[in-house]
Amino acid sequence: MTIEPATIYGTPDSAASTAAVVSPAEFIADLDDRTPAGIAAAVSRRIRSGALQPGSRLPTVREVARQLRVSPSTVNQAWRALAATGAIIARGRAGTFVGQPEAARPTAPTGRYQRLHPPSDSAFRIDLSRGTPDPHLLPDLAAALHDIARNGGGDLAADYLGEAVLPNLAARVRTDWPFRAERLAVLDGALDAVDRLLTAHIRLGDAVAVEDPCFPPFLDLLARLGARPVPVGMDESGLLPADLTRAVAQCTVTALVLQPRAQNPTGVSLTAGRVRELSDILLSTATLVIEDDHSAGIAAAPLRSLGSRLPRRTVHIRSFSKSHGADLRLAVAGGPAELLDPVIERRMLGPGWTSRLLQRVLLSMLDDEDAGHAVTAARAEYRRRSAELRRALSRKGVTIARGDGINLWLPVADENAAMISLAAAGIKVAPGGPFEVGDHPRSDHLRITIAAITDADLDWLATELAAATTAAPTYRRVRRA
């Protein structure tokens, strides 16, 4: 398989025949690592140094493979990784070319997360696109601050050399951790934890298995690292074992990133049986498992972790953003020391640690009975709102699979037409496209966040959402298989 054509910045087709052709010897002479990552890194270094000029045409995959005495698929993996970063451009039969330097590329945001949340005004009557909790359902932060003030918190304010994780907080979260975690780290939210783990353990050209559909920032992070996302389909029990088996067999998957419950965007949670199936598939591999439990506290489903069966290769991340407040920026990562120590050591050269004052605020809320009741009530309320919206839609002939957490995955006939229909009614939703790993999903969806829904708006919303599911585009659309 060759890398697919990409519309990036490089030699136009009319100039392809006159572009300088790079000899394989120009970038393989000092190559020691003949893995996909090693080849990609070597070419990337030559491009950054200026040894390979923008617009130069690279030799074919088969030529490079012959020179390196590796398989064409090995070179092709490296080419895919380089293309994902914009370092090279595939132009079909015209060839593959060195791209423009990074500074010369357009600076407009092109990531999936930016597409999911583009700048917009506040003209919408209701915003169901944000994926954030209802602020009215969060525990009382003021009570926790008063508790700290009464019991003394200033002793932490000037301490550079104290424990990075408050011992009492570590002891508190260990009481219900899904497996024995050799090391704990407090980080600035779940996405920060995923980012740091991927940066520490993923290299250019690595294949990383992800859920399909997937949380868009995961795909953005992998693209920036030059890693290749390998989609694994899902059903109501979680990742499909057959898809994961295929990914492991064909791609030598370095890591698996998943959300064990209330998956964003589908709301799917792993079952105990599915955990066993997935763990058995990974048992004979060296695959790193990164679990993002982003809805801990407000998810109704019990936590099922692959770490219960693969504790030496799993890092579990528990976020407190949706349960206790996003601006706390707190998540706890737990797992083997050999996987978390590189993250902790690298972080000491930057922010060093997550504010221990914020950690104490969280600890106060975790120990406070009223705060605990607030989280329990929020979990029940989200479950009720989700059920009420699904029932209202069902009465209008629209069926949505039951999900956990604050999001619903709404199937529609056409994504763009559905969004236009809802925008005309004053409703903002999230497009499904950024969540899809491939460019051409077989069906269209919208992500609906139920946190902002009130009972007064329920019937109106169901009517407009039902109409949007059948909205047709004004142009003919050809869907690719």
Protein backbone atom coordinates (compact mmCIF):
# COMPACT_ATOMS: atom_id res chain seq x y z
CA MET A 1 0.00 0.00 0.00
CA THR A 2 1.33 3.45 -0.83
CA ILE A 3 0.59 6.65 1.05
CA GLU A 4 -2.49 8.46 -0.12
CA PRO A 5 -2.27 11.77 -1.98
CA ALA A 6 -2.40 14.79 0.28
CA THR A 7 -3.11 18.41 -0.54
CA ILE A 8 -0.29 20.10 1.32
CA TYR A 9 2.28 22.62 0.17
CA GLY A 10 4.93 21.62 -2.31
CA THR A 11 5.85 21.34 -5.95
CA PRO A 12 2.87 21.92 -8.27
CA ASP A 13 2.04 19.20 -10.75
CA SER A 14 3.33 21.30 -13.65
CA ALA A 15 6.76 21.49 -12.05
CA ALA A 16 6.97 17.87 -10.93
CA SER A 17 8.91 16.78 -13.97
CA THR A 18 11.61 19.42 -13.36
CA ALA A 19 12.00 18.91 -9.60
CA ALA A 20 15.38 17.78 -8.36
CA VAL A 21 15.37 14.07 -7.62
CA VAL A 22 16.91 12.98 -4.32
CA SER A 23 19.17 9.96 -4.37
CA PRO A 24 18.54 7.37 -1.64
CA ALA A 25 22.20 7.72 -0.69
CA GLU A 26 21.53 11.33 0.41
CA PHE A 27 19.61 10.26 3.49
CA ILE A 28 20.49 6.62 4.16
CA ALA A 29 24.27 6.74 4.28
CA ASP A 30 24.40 7.27 8.07
CA LEU A 31 21.20 5.39 8.85
CA ASP A 32 21.61 2.87 11.67
CA ASP A 33 17.97 2.31 12.63
CA ARG A 34 16.12 0.65 9.75
CA THR A 35 12.72 0.59 11.48
CA PRO A 36 9.91 2.85 10.20
CA ALA A 37 10.59 5.26 13.07
CA GLY A 38 14.34 5.29 12.33
CA ILE A 39 13.85 5.94 8.61
CA ALA A 40 11.29 8.69 9.28
CA ALA A 41 13.55 10.34 11.86
CA ALA A 42 16.54 10.27 9.48
CA VAL A 43 14.61 11.90 6.64
CA SER A 44 13.10 14.44 9.05
CA ARG A 45 16.58 15.43 10.29
CA ARG A 46 17.81 15.92 6.73
CA ILE A 47 14.80 18.11 5.92
CA ARG A 48 15.22 20.26 9.05
CA SER A 49 18.94 20.70 8.38
CA GLY A 50 18.27 21.89 4.82
CA ALA A 51 20.08 18.95 3.24
CA LEU A 52 16.80 18.01 1.55
CA GLN A 53 15.32 21.08 -0.08
CA PRO A 54 11.58 21.85 -0.35
CA GLY A 55 10.17 20.65 -3.66
CA SER A 56 12.79 17.93 -4.15
CA ARG A 57 11.34 14.65 -5.35
CA LEU A 58 12.04 11.63 -3.19
CA PRO A 59 12.88 8.22 -4.63
CA THR A 60 10.10 5.68 -4.77
CA VAL A 61 9.24 3.47 -1.83
CA ARG A 62 10.62 0.44 -3.68
CA GLU A 63 13.90 2.19 -4.47
CA VAL A 64 14.45 3.11 -0.84
CA ALA A 65 13.42 -0.35 0.34
CA ARG A 66 15.90 -1.94 -2.07
CA GLN A 67 18.74 0.33 -0.91
CA LEU A 68 17.97 -0.28 2.77
CA ARG A 69 17.22 -3.98 2.30
CA VAL A 70 13.90 -3.68 4.11
CA SER A 71 10.35 -4.37 2.99
CA PRO A 72 8.40 -1.69 1.07
CA SER A 73 5.81 -1.68 3.86
CA THR A 74 8.52 -0.58 6.33
CA VAL A 75 9.43 2.41 4.14
CA ASN A 76 5.77 3.15 3.50
CA GLN A 77 5.08 3.40 7.24
CA ALA A 78 7.88 5.95 7.51
CA TRP A 79 6.50 7.89 4.52
CA ARG A 80 3.02 7.95 6.08
CA ALA A 81 4.40 9.34 9.33
CA LEU A 82 6.33 12.06 7.49
CA ALA A 83 3.29 12.94 5.39
CA ALA A 84 1.19 13.28 8.55
CA THR A 85 3.54 16.00 9.81
CA GLY A 86 3.67 17.83 6.45
CA ALA A 87 7.36 17.03 6.01
CA ILE A 88 6.67 15.30 2.69
CA ILE A 89 3.80 15.49 0.19
CA ALA A 90 2.42 12.60 -1.82
CA ARG A 91 1.11 13.74 -5.21
CA GLY A 92 -0.11 10.48 -6.65
CA ARG A 93 1.67 9.36 -9.80
CA ALA A 94 3.71 12.58 -9.89
CA GLY A 95 5.74 11.29 -6.94
CA THR A 96 6.49 12.24 -3.36
CA PHE A 97 8.13 15.59 -2.57
CA VAL A 98 9.82 17.38 0.31
CA GLY A 99 7.33 19.84 1.81
CA GLN A 100 7.74 23.49 2.68
CA PRO A 101 9.52 24.43 5.94
CA GLU A 102 7.14 24.65 8.87
CA ALA A 103 7.41 28.45 9.04
CA ALA A 104 6.16 28.73 5.45
CA ARG A 105 2.96 26.80 6.04
CA PRO A 106 -0.35 28.53 6.72
CA THR A 107 -0.89 29.25 10.41
CA ALA A 108 -4.68 28.88 10.46
CA PRO A 109 -5.69 26.14 12.90
CA THR A 110 -6.42 22.89 11.07
CA GLY A 111 -6.62 20.43 13.96
CA ARG A 112 -9.73 18.39 14.64
CA TYR A 113 -10.27 20.08 18.01
CA GLN A 114 -10.35 23.50 16.34
CA ARG A 115 -12.87 22.16 13.82
CA LEU A 116 -14.96 20.87 16.68
CA HIS A 117 -15.00 24.20 18.52
CA PRO A 118 -14.58 27.00 15.94
CA PRO A 119 -14.84 30.62 17.09
CA SER A 120 -18.48 31.71 17.01
CA ASP A 121 -20.78 34.31 18.44
CA SER A 122 -23.44 33.71 21.08
CA ALA A 123 -26.40 33.87 18.70
CA PHE A 124 -27.53 30.33 19.49
CA ARG A 125 -30.48 29.84 21.78
CA ILE A 126 -28.86 26.72 23.24
CA ASP A 127 -25.37 25.26 22.88
CA LEU A 128 -25.20 21.45 22.90
CA SER A 129 -21.71 21.29 21.37
CA ARG A 130 -19.35 21.89 24.23
CA GLY A 131 -18.94 18.55 26.00
CA THR A 132 -18.73 20.29 29.38
CA PRO A 133 -20.68 19.63 32.61
CA ASP A 134 -23.52 21.75 33.95
CA PRO A 135 -21.85 24.26 36.33
CA HIS A 136 -24.94 24.22 38.54
CA LEU A 137 -24.34 20.53 39.31
CA LEU A 138 -20.74 20.90 40.53
CA PRO A 139 -19.83 20.75 44.24
CA ASP A 140 -19.46 24.00 46.16
CA LEU A 141 -15.90 25.19 45.61
CA ALA A 142 -16.25 27.96 48.18
CA ALA A 143 -16.85 25.41 50.94
CA ALA A 144 -13.57 23.67 50.11
CA LEU A 145 -11.68 26.98 50.09
CA HIS A 146 -13.15 27.90 53.47
CA ASP A 147 -12.13 24.50 54.81
CA ILE A 148 -8.54 25.06 53.69
CA ALA A 149 -8.49 28.55 55.17
CA ARG A 150 -9.73 27.25 58.51
CA ASN A 151 -7.24 24.38 58.62
CA GLY A 152 -4.23 26.16 57.15
CA GLY A 153 -3.04 25.91 53.55
CA GLY A 154 -0.33 28.54 53.43
CA ASP A 155 2.36 26.02 54.35
CA LEU A 156 2.26 24.78 50.74
CA ALA A 157 2.52 28.13 48.99
CA ALA A 158 6.31 28.59 49.06
CA ASP A 159 7.48 24.98 48.92
CA TYR A 160 9.46 24.00 45.80
CA LEU A 161 10.76 20.71 47.15
CA GLY A 162 7.71 19.08 48.70
CA GLU A 163 5.95 15.95 47.49
CA ALA A 164 4.62 16.36 43.95
CA VAL A 165 1.51 14.44 45.00
CA LEU A 166 -0.04 15.15 48.39
CA PRO A 167 0.30 11.91 50.38
CA ASN A 168 -3.28 12.18 51.70
CA LEU A 169 -4.63 12.64 48.18
CA ALA A 170 -2.62 9.66 46.93
CA ALA A 171 -3.97 7.52 49.76
CA ARG A 172 -7.52 8.70 49.02
CA VAL A 173 -7.48 7.83 45.31
CA ARG A 174 -5.78 4.48 45.88
CA THR A 175 -8.80 3.26 47.87
CA ASP A 176 -10.78 2.62 44.68
CA TRP A 177 -8.11 2.50 41.98
CA PRO A 178 -8.93 -0.32 39.50
CA PHE A 179 -5.57 -2.07 39.97
CA ARG A 180 -2.43 -1.77 42.09
CA ALA A 181 -0.64 1.34 40.82
CA GLU A 182 3.07 1.37 41.54
CA ARG A 183 3.29 5.09 40.82
CA LEU A 184 0.78 7.98 40.93
CA ALA A 185 1.14 11.37 39.27
CA VAL A 186 -1.15 14.40 39.47
CA LEU A 187 -1.35 16.23 36.14
CA ASP A 188 -3.21 19.20 34.70
CA GLY A 189 -6.24 17.33 33.40
CA ALA A 190 -6.72 14.08 31.51
CA LEU A 191 -5.64 15.48 28.14
CA ASP A 192 -2.39 16.77 29.66
CA ALA A 193 -1.76 13.27 31.02
CA VAL A 194 -2.44 11.63 27.64
CA ASP A 195 -0.22 14.17 25.89
CA ARG A 196 2.70 13.58 28.25
CA LEU A 197 2.40 9.81 28.08
CA LEU A 198 2.31 9.80 24.28
CA THR A 199 5.26 12.20 24.09
CA ALA A 200 7.29 10.00 26.45
CA HIS A 201 6.56 6.67 24.79
CA ILE A 202 5.52 7.21 21.15
CA ARG A 203 7.98 7.82 18.35
CA LEU A 204 7.69 9.05 14.79
CA GLY A 205 6.07 6.38 12.65
CA ASP A 206 4.58 4.35 15.52
CA ALA A 207 1.13 2.83 15.07
CA VAL A 208 -1.34 3.67 17.86
CA ALA A 209 -4.73 1.96 18.12
CA VAL A 210 -7.62 4.31 18.86
CA GLU A 211 -11.38 4.02 19.18
CA ASP A 212 -13.38 4.85 16.07
CA PRO A 213 -15.09 7.26 16.62
CA CYS A 214 -12.46 8.87 18.83
CA PHE A 215 -11.96 11.99 20.97
CA PRO A 216 -10.52 14.48 18.41
CA PRO A 217 -7.58 15.81 20.51
CA PHE A 218 -6.12 12.29 20.65
CA LEU A 219 -5.88 12.31 16.85
CA ASP A 220 -4.37 15.81 16.87
CA LEU A 221 -1.72 14.72 19.38
CA LEU A 222 -0.80 11.67 17.30
CA ALA A 223 -0.56 13.79 14.15
CA ARG A 224 1.88 16.18 15.85
CA LEU A 225 4.02 13.26 16.95
CA GLY A 226 4.00 11.77 13.45
CA ALA A 227 2.32 8.63 14.77
CA ARG A 228 -0.26 6.71 12.79
CA PRO A 229 -3.73 6.20 14.30
CA VAL A 230 -5.14 2.73 13.66
CA PRO A 231 -8.95 2.76 13.96
CA VAL A 232 -10.67 0.11 16.05
CA GLY A 233 -14.45 -0.02 15.67
CA MET A 234 -16.88 -0.14 18.58
CA ASP A 235 -20.19 -1.66 19.60
CA GLU A 236 -22.31 -1.31 22.73
CA SER A 237 -19.68 -3.22 24.78
CA GLY A 238 -16.63 -1.21 23.70
CA LEU A 239 -13.78 -1.87 21.27
CA LEU A 240 -14.38 -4.68 18.78
CA PRO A 241 -12.05 -7.62 19.49
CA ALA A 242 -11.81 -8.56 15.81
CA ASP A 243 -10.68 -5.04 14.88
CA LEU A 244 -8.09 -4.95 17.68
CA THR A 245 -6.79 -8.37 16.65
CA ARG A 246 -6.39 -7.14 13.10
CA ALA A 247 -4.64 -3.95 14.24
CA VAL A 248 -2.17 -5.84 16.44
CA ALA A 249 -1.43 -8.39 13.73
CA GLN A 250 -0.99 -5.97 10.84
CA CYS A 251 0.48 -2.84 12.41
CA THR A 252 2.61 -3.82 15.44
CA VAL A 253 0.62 -1.43 17.62
CA THR A 254 2.84 0.48 20.08
CA ALA A 255 -0.02 1.81 22.19
CA LEU A 256 -3.77 1.67 22.64
CA VAL A 257 -5.65 4.79 23.78
CA LEU A 258 -9.18 4.21 25.02
CA GLN A 259 -11.93 5.62 27.23
CA PRO A 260 -13.20 2.81 29.47
CA ARG A 261 -16.62 4.35 30.23
CA ALA A 262 -18.88 7.16 28.99
CA GLN A 263 -16.76 7.16 25.83
CA ASN A 264 -16.70 10.51 24.07
CA PRO A 265 -18.66 10.75 21.76
CA THR A 266 -20.72 7.52 21.93
CA GLY A 267 -21.25 7.12 25.69
CA VAL A 268 -20.24 3.44 25.44
CA SER A 269 -18.72 1.73 28.50
CA LEU A 270 -16.59 -1.43 28.56
CA THR A 271 -18.22 -4.58 29.86
CA ALA A 272 -16.40 -7.12 32.00
CA GLY A 273 -16.52 -9.67 29.20
CA ARG A 274 -15.06 -7.23 26.70
CA VAL A 275 -12.21 -6.37 29.07
CA ARG A 276 -11.28 -10.07 29.17
CA GLU A 277 -11.40 -10.36 25.37
CA LEU A 278 -9.29 -7.27 24.76
CA SER A 279 -6.77 -8.19 27.45
CA ASP A 280 -6.32 -11.66 25.95
CA ILE A 281 -5.55 -10.11 22.57
CA LEU A 282 -2.91 -7.80 24.06
CA LEU A 283 -1.42 -10.37 26.45
CA SER A 284 1.32 -11.51 24.06
CA THR A 285 2.21 -7.99 22.89
CA ALA A 286 4.20 -5.12 24.37
CA THR A 287 1.40 -2.63 23.70
CA LEU A 288 1.12 0.28 26.15
CA VAL A 289 -2.49 0.83 27.28
CA ILE A 290 -3.56 4.40 28.13
CA GLU A 291 -7.02 4.65 29.72
CA ASP A 292 -8.76 8.04 29.96
CA ASP A 293 -11.54 7.84 32.56
CA HIS A 294 -12.59 11.42 31.81
CA SER A 295 -16.09 11.08 33.31
CA ALA A 296 -15.12 9.55 36.65
CA GLY A 297 -17.67 10.52 39.26
CA ILE A 298 -20.54 11.31 36.90
CA ALA A 299 -20.50 8.05 34.90
CA ALA A 300 -23.13 5.57 36.06
CA ALA A 301 -21.40 2.49 34.62
CA PRO A 302 -18.91 0.64 36.85
CA LEU A 303 -15.28 1.14 35.96
CA ARG A 304 -13.76 -1.70 33.93
CA SER A 305 -10.01 -1.41 33.40
CA LEU A 306 -7.62 -3.39 31.24
CA GLY A 307 -5.16 -2.71 34.04
CA SER A 308 -6.94 -5.32 36.14
CA ARG A 309 -5.48 -7.92 33.76
CA LEU A 310 -2.50 -6.01 32.30
CA PRO A 311 -1.21 -4.01 35.29
CA ARG A 312 2.41 -3.82 34.05
CA ARG A 313 1.46 -2.14 30.78
CA THR A 314 -1.54 0.02 31.70
CA VAL A 315 -1.65 3.64 32.81
CA HIS A 316 -5.10 4.62 34.06
CA ILE A 317 -6.06 8.30 34.14
CA ARG A 318 -8.85 9.59 36.37
CA SER A 319 -10.10 13.10 35.66
CA PHE A 320 -11.98 15.25 38.16
CA SER A 321 -12.96 17.96 35.65
CA LYS A 322 -16.54 16.84 34.98
CA SER A 323 -17.28 15.80 38.55
CA HIS A 324 -15.61 18.58 40.56
CA GLY A 325 -14.79 21.39 38.12
CA ALA A 326 -12.83 21.82 34.89
CA ASP A 327 -10.84 24.80 36.16
CA LEU A 328 -9.25 22.70 38.89
CA ARG A 329 -7.24 21.15 36.00
CA LEU A 330 -6.65 17.97 37.96
CA ALA A 331 -6.29 14.35 36.90
CA VAL A 332 -4.47 11.46 38.53
CA ALA A 333 -2.50 8.96 36.45
CA GLY A 334 -1.56 5.64 37.99
CA GLY A 335 0.41 2.69 36.71
CA PRO A 336 3.89 1.14 36.53
CA ALA A 337 6.85 3.29 37.58
CA GLU A 338 8.71 2.54 34.34
CA LEU A 339 5.89 4.14 32.35
CA LEU A 340 5.19 7.13 34.60
CA ASP A 341 8.70 8.02 35.81
CA PRO A 342 9.80 9.40 32.39
CA VAL A 343 6.73 11.67 32.43
CA ILE A 344 7.42 12.84 35.99
CA GLU A 345 11.11 13.45 35.36
CA ARG A 346 10.50 15.42 32.15
CA ARG A 347 7.81 17.50 33.85
CA MET A 348 10.24 18.56 36.55
CA LEU A 349 12.07 20.53 33.85
CA GLY A 350 8.89 22.50 33.12
CA PRO A 351 5.98 23.15 35.47
CA GLY A 352 7.43 20.67 37.96
CA TRP A 353 4.20 19.75 39.71
CA THR A 354 0.50 20.51 39.80
CA SER A 355 -0.39 23.07 42.46
CA ARG A 356 -0.61 21.39 45.83
CA LEU A 357 -3.10 24.05 46.88
CA LEU A 358 -5.44 22.81 44.14
CA GLN A 359 -4.72 19.25 45.20
CA ARG A 360 -5.78 20.18 48.72
CA VAL A 361 -8.98 21.75 47.38
CA LEU A 362 -9.78 18.49 45.59
CA LEU A 363 -8.94 16.42 48.66
CA SER A 364 -11.24 18.58 50.76
CA MET A 365 -14.11 17.98 48.31
CA LEU A 366 -13.42 14.24 48.12
CA ASP A 367 -13.64 14.03 51.91
CA ASP A 368 -16.62 16.37 52.27
CA GLU A 369 -20.01 14.68 52.65
CA ASP A 370 -21.95 17.52 50.98
CA ALA A 371 -19.60 17.54 47.99
CA GLY A 372 -20.00 13.76 47.68
CA HIS A 373 -23.79 14.14 47.66
CA ALA A 374 -23.50 16.82 44.95
CA VAL A 375 -21.49 14.51 42.68
CA THR A 376 -23.95 11.66 43.26
CA ALA A 377 -26.89 13.96 42.48
CA ALA A 378 -25.18 15.19 39.30
CA ARG A 379 -24.64 11.62 38.11
CA ALA A 380 -28.32 10.83 38.60
CA GLU A 381 -29.42 14.06 36.92
CA TYR A 382 -27.29 13.50 33.82
CA ARG A 383 -28.66 10.00 33.56
CA ARG A 384 -32.22 11.36 33.85
CA ARG A 385 -31.69 14.08 31.21
CA SER A 386 -30.19 11.59 28.79
CA ALA A 387 -33.07 9.17 29.29
CA GLU A 388 -35.68 11.92 28.89
CA LEU A 389 -34.16 13.15 25.62
CA ARG A 390 -33.90 9.62 24.25
CA ARG A 391 -37.54 8.98 25.15
CA ALA A 392 -38.66 12.26 23.56
CA LEU A 393 -36.79 11.40 20.37
CA SER A 394 -38.16 7.87 20.37
CA ARG A 395 -41.70 9.28 20.36
CA LYS A 396 -40.74 11.10 17.15
CA GLY A 397 -39.33 7.98 15.53
CA VAL A 398 -35.63 8.55 16.27
CA THR A 399 -33.69 5.91 18.19
CA ILE A 400 -30.38 6.67 19.92
CA ALA A 401 -28.32 3.98 21.58
CA ARG A 402 -28.22 4.33 25.35
CA GLY A 403 -24.99 5.92 26.53
CA ASP A 404 -23.40 7.01 29.77
CA GLY A 405 -22.08 10.43 30.79
CA ILE A 406 -23.09 13.74 29.23
CA ASN A 407 -22.95 13.00 25.48
CA LEU A 408 -25.20 11.30 22.93
CA TRP A 409 -24.17 10.17 19.43
CA LEU A 410 -27.01 11.12 17.07
CA PRO A 411 -27.14 9.42 13.65
CA VAL A 412 -28.19 11.74 10.82
CA ALA A 413 -28.66 11.44 7.08
CA ASP A 414 -26.18 14.24 6.34
CA GLU A 415 -23.93 16.00 8.85
CA ASN A 416 -23.80 19.41 7.17
CA ALA A 417 -27.51 19.52 6.37
CA ALA A 418 -28.34 18.51 9.95
CA MET A 419 -26.13 21.23 11.43
CA ILE A 420 -27.64 23.86 9.15
CA SER A 421 -31.15 22.74 10.11
CA LEU A 422 -30.33 23.01 13.81
CA ALA A 423 -28.48 26.32 13.46
CA ALA A 424 -31.57 27.79 11.80
CA ALA A 425 -33.51 26.75 14.92
CA GLY A 426 -30.91 28.35 17.22
CA ILE A 427 -29.27 25.08 18.29
CA LYS A 428 -25.50 24.54 18.19
CA VAL A 429 -24.18 20.97 18.10
CA ALA A 430 -20.82 19.31 17.46
CA PRO A 431 -20.18 17.82 14.00
CA GLY A 432 -19.38 14.13 13.94
CA GLY A 433 -16.62 14.37 11.34
CA PRO A 434 -13.76 15.38 13.68
CA PHE A 435 -14.46 12.30 15.82
CA GLU A 436 -14.11 9.89 12.90
CA VAL A 437 -10.62 8.47 12.37
CA GLY A 438 -11.06 8.06 8.61
CA ASP A 439 -11.91 10.82 6.16
CA HIS A 440 -14.99 9.07 4.79
CA PRO A 441 -17.16 7.47 7.51
CA ARG A 442 -19.91 5.15 6.33
CA SER A 443 -22.57 7.13 8.21
CA ASP A 444 -22.96 10.65 9.59
CA HIS A 445 -23.47 11.67 13.21
CA LEU A 446 -23.69 14.68 15.52
CA ARG A 447 -22.53 14.78 19.11
CA ILE A 448 -25.11 16.15 21.52
CA THR A 449 -24.11 17.28 25.04
CA ILE A 450 -27.09 16.94 27.36
CA ALA A 451 -25.63 19.06 30.21
CA ALA A 452 -27.36 22.25 28.98
CA ILE A 453 -30.80 20.69 28.42
CA THR A 454 -33.74 21.77 30.59
CA ASP A 455 -37.12 20.08 30.90
CA ALA A 456 -38.79 23.19 29.47
CA ASP A 457 -36.80 22.83 26.22
CA LEU A 458 -37.12 19.06 25.91
CA ASP A 459 -40.06 18.77 23.50
CA TRP A 460 -38.85 21.62 21.30
CA LEU A 461 -35.34 20.15 21.15
CA ALA A 462 -36.60 16.68 20.31
CA THR A 463 -38.70 18.10 17.46
CA GLU A 464 -35.77 20.01 15.96
CA LEU A 465 -33.30 17.16 16.44
CA ALA A 466 -35.69 14.69 14.83
CA ALA A 467 -36.13 17.01 11.84
CA ALA A 468 -32.35 17.39 11.54
CA THR A 469 -31.79 13.64 11.34
CA THR A 470 -33.56 13.53 7.96
CA ALA A 471 -32.38 16.89 6.59
CA ALA A 472 -31.04 16.43 3.06
CA PRO A 473 -28.23 18.39 1.40
CA THR A 474 -29.04 20.73 -1.47
CA TYR A 475 -26.33 19.07 -3.54
CA ARG A 476 -25.73 15.51 -4.61
CA ARG A 477 -23.30 13.76 -2.31
CA VAL A 478 -21.28 10.73 -3.29
CA ARG A 479 -20.26 8.68 -0.28
CA ARG A 480 -17.07 6.66 -0.61
CA ALA A 481 -16.93 3.15 0.73
